[in-house]
Amino acid sequence: MDYIELIIACIFVNNILLAQFLGNCPFLGTSKKMETAVGMSMAVIFVLVLAGVITWLIFNYLLFPYKLVYLRTIAFILVIASLVQFVEMFLKKSIPGLYAGLGIFLPLITTNCAVFGVCVLNIDKEFTFMQALVASFGYAAGFGLALIIFAGLRERVLLARVPKPLQDTSIALITAGVISLSFYAFRGMV
């Protein structure tokens, strides 16, 4: 599979948030402000790319050869949790404003099903190392793109006159659905 085609498929066609519906908790929780959405996107890109590569290496060089595949879930969660702790410590020391803005959603990357889902997808689709690296980056970039678009639209909706029953979460879910439908148009590309 061509790497450009794989990136386009991961970002637009099989977007982890909008097509596979994984990782919706930080999607809805950190998208009220553009700054927190960008920060969460960068954190997820870092964690997801490293987790995708490290879990691929662990699976293919440790779990599979020694017939320990049944430990895949535990091993993957340990890798993801370690990476999230690293990101959390880094942000706390270097960017305390962003750390405070992300709040509870930063540690929730550990249990973010999008990160775990991409790690499992890389193994289930039997990607090579480079394909796993490119796919992990593509899924992470798709997550970031969807989150940033959604945050921009949510900021704009705050300026609009929205009927009382549709305010806050209701209009956010409708907006997310419309964004998902717009990404659905990319299905014919790959």
C-alpha atoms as a PDB file:
ATOM      1  CA  MET A   1       0.000   0.000   0.000  1.00  0.00           C
ATOM      2  CA  ASP A   2       1.318   3.416  -0.935  1.00  0.00           C
ATOM      3  CA  TYR A   3       2.153   5.602   2.080  1.00  0.00           C
ATOM      4  CA  ILE A   4       0.351   8.670   0.714  1.00  0.00           C
ATOM      5  CA  GLU A   5      -2.769   6.589   0.158  1.00  0.00           C
ATOM      6  CA  LEU A   6      -2.444   5.192   3.688  1.00  0.00           C
ATOM      7  CA  ILE A   7      -2.162   8.679   5.226  1.00  0.00           C
ATOM      8  CA  ILE A   8      -5.177   9.949   3.270  1.00  0.00           C
ATOM      9  CA  ALA A   9      -7.158   6.865   4.285  1.00  0.00           C
ATOM     10  CA  CYS A  10      -6.266   7.304   7.960  1.00  0.00           C
ATOM     11  CA  ILE A  11      -6.900  11.055   8.097  1.00  0.00           C
ATOM     12  CA  PHE A  12     -10.019  11.387   5.984  1.00  0.00           C
ATOM     13  CA  VAL A  13     -11.628   8.061   5.068  1.00  0.00           C
ATOM     14  CA  ASN A  14     -11.149   6.046   8.265  1.00  0.00           C
ATOM     15  CA  ASN A  15     -10.896   8.981  10.654  1.00  0.00           C
ATOM     16  CA  ILE A  16     -10.577   7.522  14.122  1.00  0.00           C
ATOM     17  CA  LEU A  17     -13.091   9.990  15.588  1.00  0.00           C
ATOM     18  CA  LEU A  18     -15.585  10.580  12.822  1.00  0.00           C
ATOM     19  CA  ALA A  19     -15.677   7.235  11.005  1.00  0.00           C
ATOM     20  CA  GLN A  20     -14.730   4.745  13.701  1.00  0.00           C
ATOM     21  CA  PHE A  21     -16.159   6.715  16.662  1.00  0.00           C
ATOM     22  CA  LEU A  22     -13.206   6.100  18.971  1.00  0.00           C
ATOM     23  CA  GLY A  23     -11.953   8.769  21.368  1.00  0.00           C
ATOM     24  CA  ASN A  24     -15.125  10.820  21.686  1.00  0.00           C
ATOM     25  CA  CYS A  25     -14.555  11.778  25.347  1.00  0.00           C
ATOM     26  CA  PRO A  26     -11.638  14.172  24.682  1.00  0.00           C
ATOM     27  CA  PHE A  27     -13.293  15.172  21.414  1.00  0.00           C
ATOM     28  CA  LEU A  28     -16.300  16.577  23.236  1.00  0.00           C
ATOM     29  CA  GLY A  29     -14.479  17.611  26.400  1.00  0.00           C
ATOM     30  CA  THR A  30     -11.522  19.605  25.072  1.00  0.00           C
ATOM     31  CA  SER A  31     -13.135  21.217  22.066  1.00  0.00           C
ATOM     32  CA  LYS A  32     -14.686  24.240  23.768  1.00  0.00           C
ATOM     33  CA  LYS A  33     -11.547  26.359  23.258  1.00  0.00           C
ATOM     34  CA  MET A  34      -9.172  26.279  20.321  1.00  0.00           C
ATOM     35  CA  GLU A  35      -6.084  26.408  22.580  1.00  0.00           C
ATOM     36  CA  THR A  36      -7.024  23.266  24.493  1.00  0.00           C
ATOM     37  CA  ALA A  37      -8.020  21.500  21.273  1.00  0.00           C
ATOM     38  CA  VAL A  38      -4.632  22.224  19.710  1.00  0.00           C
ATOM     39  CA  GLY A  39      -2.846  21.139  22.891  1.00  0.00           C
ATOM     40  CA  MET A  40      -4.829  17.914  23.093  1.00  0.00           C
ATOM     41  CA  SER A  41      -4.148  17.279  19.404  1.00  0.00           C
ATOM     42  CA  MET A  42      -0.399  17.637  19.909  1.00  0.00           C
ATOM     43  CA  ALA A  43      -0.470  15.398  22.996  1.00  0.00           C
ATOM     44  CA  VAL A  44      -2.464  12.722  21.168  1.00  0.00           C
ATOM     45  CA  ILE A  45      -0.180  12.896  18.117  1.00  0.00           C
ATOM     46  CA  PHE A  46       2.871  12.371  20.325  1.00  0.00           C
ATOM     47  CA  VAL A  47       1.333   9.558  22.363  1.00  0.00           C
ATOM     48  CA  LEU A  48      -0.368   7.815  19.464  1.00  0.00           C
ATOM     49  CA  VAL A  49       2.656   7.757  17.147  1.00  0.00           C
ATOM     50  CA  LEU A  50       5.007   6.514  19.854  1.00  0.00           C
ATOM     51  CA  ALA A  51       2.449   4.033  21.207  1.00  0.00           C
ATOM     52  CA  GLY A  52       1.722   2.702  17.720  1.00  0.00           C
ATOM     53  CA  VAL A  53       5.400   2.104  17.002  1.00  0.00           C
ATOM     54  CA  ILE A  54       6.343   0.731  20.423  1.00  0.00           C
ATOM     55  CA  THR A  55       3.357  -1.616  20.620  1.00  0.00           C
ATOM     56  CA  TRP A  56       4.105  -2.868  17.097  1.00  0.00           C
ATOM     57  CA  LEU A  57       7.688  -3.640  18.163  1.00  0.00           C
ATOM     58  CA  ILE A  58       6.558  -5.322  21.399  1.00  0.00           C
ATOM     59  CA  PHE A  59       3.976  -7.421  19.599  1.00  0.00           C
ATOM     60  CA  ASN A  60       6.187  -8.521  16.697  1.00  0.00           C
ATOM     61  CA  TYR A  61       9.425  -9.077  18.615  1.00  0.00           C
ATOM     62  CA  LEU A  62       8.221 -10.193  22.030  1.00  0.00           C
ATOM     63  CA  LEU A  63       4.587 -11.271  22.266  1.00  0.00           C
ATOM     64  CA  PHE A  64       4.154 -13.098  18.954  1.00  0.00           C
ATOM     65  CA  PRO A  65       7.482 -14.990  18.823  1.00  0.00           C
ATOM     66  CA  TYR A  66       7.127 -16.206  22.416  1.00  0.00           C
ATOM     67  CA  LYS A  67       3.426 -17.029  22.011  1.00  0.00           C
ATOM     68  CA  LEU A  68       2.339 -14.408  24.552  1.00  0.00           C
ATOM     69  CA  VAL A  69      -0.294 -12.806  22.334  1.00  0.00           C
ATOM     70  CA  TYR A  70      -2.856 -13.094  25.132  1.00  0.00           C
ATOM     71  CA  LEU A  71      -0.906 -10.375  26.992  1.00  0.00           C
ATOM     72  CA  ARG A  72      -1.433  -7.877  24.177  1.00  0.00           C
ATOM     73  CA  THR A  73      -4.036  -5.734  25.973  1.00  0.00           C
ATOM     74  CA  ILE A  74      -2.013  -5.457  29.176  1.00  0.00           C
ATOM     75  CA  ALA A  75       1.235  -4.702  27.356  1.00  0.00           C
ATOM     76  CA  PHE A  76      -0.390  -2.062  25.141  1.00  0.00           C
ATOM     77  CA  ILE A  77      -2.073  -0.301  28.070  1.00  0.00           C
ATOM     78  CA  LEU A  78       1.212  -0.235  30.013  1.00  0.00           C
ATOM     79  CA  VAL A  79       2.989   1.400  27.062  1.00  0.00           C
ATOM     80  CA  ILE A  80       0.201   3.962  26.581  1.00  0.00           C
ATOM     81  CA  ALA A  81       0.031   4.781  30.298  1.00  0.00           C
ATOM     82  CA  SER A  82       3.794   5.314  30.459  1.00  0.00           C
ATOM     83  CA  LEU A  83       3.755   7.643  27.474  1.00  0.00           C
ATOM     84  CA  VAL A  84       0.844   9.649  28.874  1.00  0.00           C
ATOM     85  CA  GLN A  85       2.667  10.054  32.187  1.00  0.00           C
ATOM     86  CA  PHE A  86       5.658  11.404  30.291  1.00  0.00           C
ATOM     87  CA  VAL A  87       3.484  13.909  28.403  1.00  0.00           C
ATOM     88  CA  GLU A  88       1.729  14.937  31.608  1.00  0.00           C
ATOM     89  CA  MET A  89       5.031  15.590  33.416  1.00  0.00           C
ATOM     90  CA  PHE A  90       6.382  17.528  30.432  1.00  0.00           C
ATOM     91  CA  LEU A  91       3.315  19.760  30.153  1.00  0.00           C
ATOM     92  CA  LYS A  92       3.154  20.353  33.894  1.00  0.00           C
ATOM     93  CA  LYS A  93       6.750  21.606  33.901  1.00  0.00           C
ATOM     94  CA  SER A  94       6.926  23.469  30.599  1.00  0.00           C
ATOM     95  CA  ILE A  95       3.382  24.627  29.733  1.00  0.00           C
ATOM     96  CA  PRO A  96       1.376  24.876  32.978  1.00  0.00           C
ATOM     97  CA  GLY A  97      -1.438  26.877  31.335  1.00  0.00           C
ATOM     98  CA  LEU A  98      -2.112  24.142  28.797  1.00  0.00           C
ATOM     99  CA  TYR A  99      -1.755  21.511  31.527  1.00  0.00           C
ATOM    100  CA  ALA A 100      -4.446  23.289  33.559  1.00  0.00           C
ATOM    101  CA  GLY A 101      -6.628  23.789  30.468  1.00  0.00           C
ATOM    102  CA  LEU A 102      -6.579  20.101  29.564  1.00  0.00           C
ATOM    103  CA  GLY A 103      -7.436  19.169  33.142  1.00  0.00           C
ATOM    104  CA  ILE A 104      -8.756  15.649  33.584  1.00  0.00           C
ATOM    105  CA  PHE A 105      -8.699  14.949  29.849  1.00  0.00           C
ATOM    106  CA  LEU A 106      -4.897  14.658  29.723  1.00  0.00           C
ATOM    107  CA  PRO A 107      -4.696  11.574  31.980  1.00  0.00           C
ATOM    108  CA  LEU A 108      -7.715  10.196  30.136  1.00  0.00           C
ATOM    109  CA  ILE A 109      -5.517   9.719  27.056  1.00  0.00           C
ATOM    110  CA  THR A 110      -4.326   6.618  28.926  1.00  0.00           C
ATOM    111  CA  THR A 111      -7.764   5.085  28.619  1.00  0.00           C
ATOM    112  CA  ASN A 112      -8.551   6.746  25.307  1.00  0.00           C
ATOM    113  CA  CYS A 113      -9.899   4.013  23.116  1.00  0.00           C
ATOM    114  CA  ALA A 114      -8.581   5.828  20.024  1.00  0.00           C
ATOM    115  CA  VAL A 115      -4.969   5.313  21.087  1.00  0.00           C
ATOM    116  CA  PHE A 116      -5.532   1.692  22.047  1.00  0.00           C
ATOM    117  CA  GLY A 117      -7.666   1.152  18.936  1.00  0.00           C
ATOM    118  CA  VAL A 118      -4.913   2.354  16.610  1.00  0.00           C
ATOM    119  CA  CYS A 119      -2.381   0.079  18.313  1.00  0.00           C
ATOM    120  CA  VAL A 120      -4.700  -2.884  17.804  1.00  0.00           C
ATOM    121  CA  LEU A 121      -5.522  -1.869  14.212  1.00  0.00           C
ATOM    122  CA  ASN A 122      -1.821  -1.774  13.347  1.00  0.00           C
ATOM    123  CA  ILE A 123      -1.484  -5.372  14.530  1.00  0.00           C
ATOM    124  CA  ASP A 124      -4.782  -6.675  13.130  1.00  0.00           C
ATOM    125  CA  LYS A 125      -4.105  -5.215   9.678  1.00  0.00           C
ATOM    126  CA  GLU A 126      -0.641  -6.824   9.754  1.00  0.00           C
ATOM    127  CA  PHE A 127       1.153  -3.598   8.888  1.00  0.00           C
ATOM    128  CA  THR A 128       4.896  -3.501   8.410  1.00  0.00           C
ATOM    129  CA  PHE A 129       6.884  -1.240  10.727  1.00  0.00           C
ATOM    130  CA  MET A 130       6.777   1.705   8.295  1.00  0.00           C
ATOM    131  CA  GLN A 131       3.085   1.191   7.593  1.00  0.00           C
ATOM    132  CA  ALA A 132       2.397   1.132  11.356  1.00  0.00           C
ATOM    133  CA  LEU A 133       4.375   4.359  11.782  1.00  0.00           C
ATOM    134  CA  VAL A 134       2.597   6.104   8.899  1.00  0.00           C
ATOM    135  CA  ALA A 135      -0.836   4.812   9.947  1.00  0.00           C
ATOM    136  CA  SER A 136      -0.284   5.878  13.562  1.00  0.00           C
ATOM    137  CA  PHE A 137       0.668   9.362  12.425  1.00  0.00           C
ATOM    138  CA  GLY A 138      -2.247   9.477   9.979  1.00  0.00           C
ATOM    139  CA  TYR A 139      -4.803   8.448  12.589  1.00  0.00           C
ATOM    140  CA  ALA A 140      -3.339  10.952  15.050  1.00  0.00           C
ATOM    141  CA  ALA A 141      -3.389  13.728  12.461  1.00  0.00           C
ATOM    142  CA  GLY A 142      -6.994  12.844  11.619  1.00  0.00           C
ATOM    143  CA  PHE A 143      -7.867  13.008  15.313  1.00  0.00           C
ATOM    144  CA  GLY A 144      -6.200  16.426  15.564  1.00  0.00           C
ATOM    145  CA  LEU A 145      -7.835  17.727  12.395  1.00  0.00           C
ATOM    146  CA  ALA A 146     -11.311  16.681  13.517  1.00  0.00           C
ATOM    147  CA  LEU A 147     -10.744  18.112  17.001  1.00  0.00           C
ATOM    148  CA  ILE A 148      -9.492  21.470  15.690  1.00  0.00           C
ATOM    149  CA  ILE A 149     -12.312  21.793  13.141  1.00  0.00           C
ATOM    150  CA  PHE A 150     -14.829  20.942  15.845  1.00  0.00           C
ATOM    151  CA  ALA A 151     -13.306  23.440  18.295  1.00  0.00           C
ATOM    152  CA  GLY A 152     -13.431  26.176  15.667  1.00  0.00           C
ATOM    153  CA  LEU A 153     -17.068  25.460  14.956  1.00  0.00           C
ATOM    154  CA  ARG A 154     -17.960  25.312  18.647  1.00  0.00           C
ATOM    155  CA  GLU A 155     -16.379  28.728  19.179  1.00  0.00           C
ATOM    156  CA  ARG A 156     -18.435  30.082  16.280  1.00  0.00           C
ATOM    157  CA  VAL A 157     -21.646  28.506  17.609  1.00  0.00           C
ATOM    158  CA  LEU A 158     -21.168  30.423  20.872  1.00  0.00           C
ATOM    159  CA  LEU A 159     -21.653  33.631  18.873  1.00  0.00           C
ATOM    160  CA  ALA A 160     -24.808  32.376  17.147  1.00  0.00           C
ATOM    161  CA  ARG A 161     -28.336  32.488  18.459  1.00  0.00           C
ATOM    162  CA  VAL A 162     -29.115  28.877  19.216  1.00  0.00           C
ATOM    163  CA  PRO A 163     -32.584  27.865  20.446  1.00  0.00           C
ATOM    164  CA  LYS A 164     -32.629  27.102  24.175  1.00  0.00           C
ATOM    165  CA  PRO A 165     -33.252  23.314  23.859  1.00  0.00           C
ATOM    166  CA  LEU A 166     -30.283  22.942  21.494  1.00  0.00           C
ATOM    167  CA  GLN A 167     -27.683  24.856  23.468  1.00  0.00           C
ATOM    168  CA  ASP A 168     -24.363  23.387  24.669  1.00  0.00           C
ATOM    169  CA  THR A 169     -24.160  19.581  24.342  1.00  0.00           C
ATOM    170  CA  SER A 170     -27.081  19.195  21.930  1.00  0.00           C
ATOM    171  CA  ILE A 171     -25.723  21.597  19.335  1.00  0.00           C
ATOM    172  CA  ALA A 172     -22.234  20.132  19.865  1.00  0.00           C
ATOM    173  CA  LEU A 173     -23.481  16.647  18.998  1.00  0.00           C
ATOM    174  CA  ILE A 174     -25.368  17.954  15.952  1.00  0.00           C
ATOM    175  CA  THR A 175     -22.228  19.787  14.820  1.00  0.00           C
ATOM    176  CA  ALA A 176     -20.135  16.640  15.318  1.00  0.00           C
ATOM    177  CA  GLY A 177     -22.637  14.716  13.198  1.00  0.00           C
ATOM    178  CA  VAL A 178     -22.428  17.258  10.389  1.00  0.00           C
ATOM    179  CA  ILE A 179     -18.620  17.133  10.464  1.00  0.00           C
ATOM    180  CA  SER A 180     -18.799  13.344  10.379  1.00  0.00           C
ATOM    181  CA  LEU A 181     -21.072  13.490   7.349  1.00  0.00           C
ATOM    182  CA  SER A 182     -18.654  15.830   5.587  1.00  0.00           C
ATOM    183  CA  PHE A 183     -15.799  13.384   6.204  1.00  0.00           C
ATOM    184  CA  TYR A 184     -18.004  10.590   4.891  1.00  0.00           C
ATOM    185  CA  ALA A 185     -17.722  12.232   1.463  1.00  0.00           C
ATOM    186  CA  PHE A 186     -14.089  11.078   1.332  1.00  0.00           C
ATOM    187  CA  ARG A 187     -15.144   7.396   1.247  1.00  0.00           C
ATOM    188  CA  GLY A 188     -14.784   7.212  -2.527  1.00  0.00           C
ATOM    189  CA  MET A 189     -11.188   8.455  -2.532  1.00  0.00           C
ATOM    190  CA  VAL A 190      -9.391   5.309  -1.396  1.00  0.00           C
END
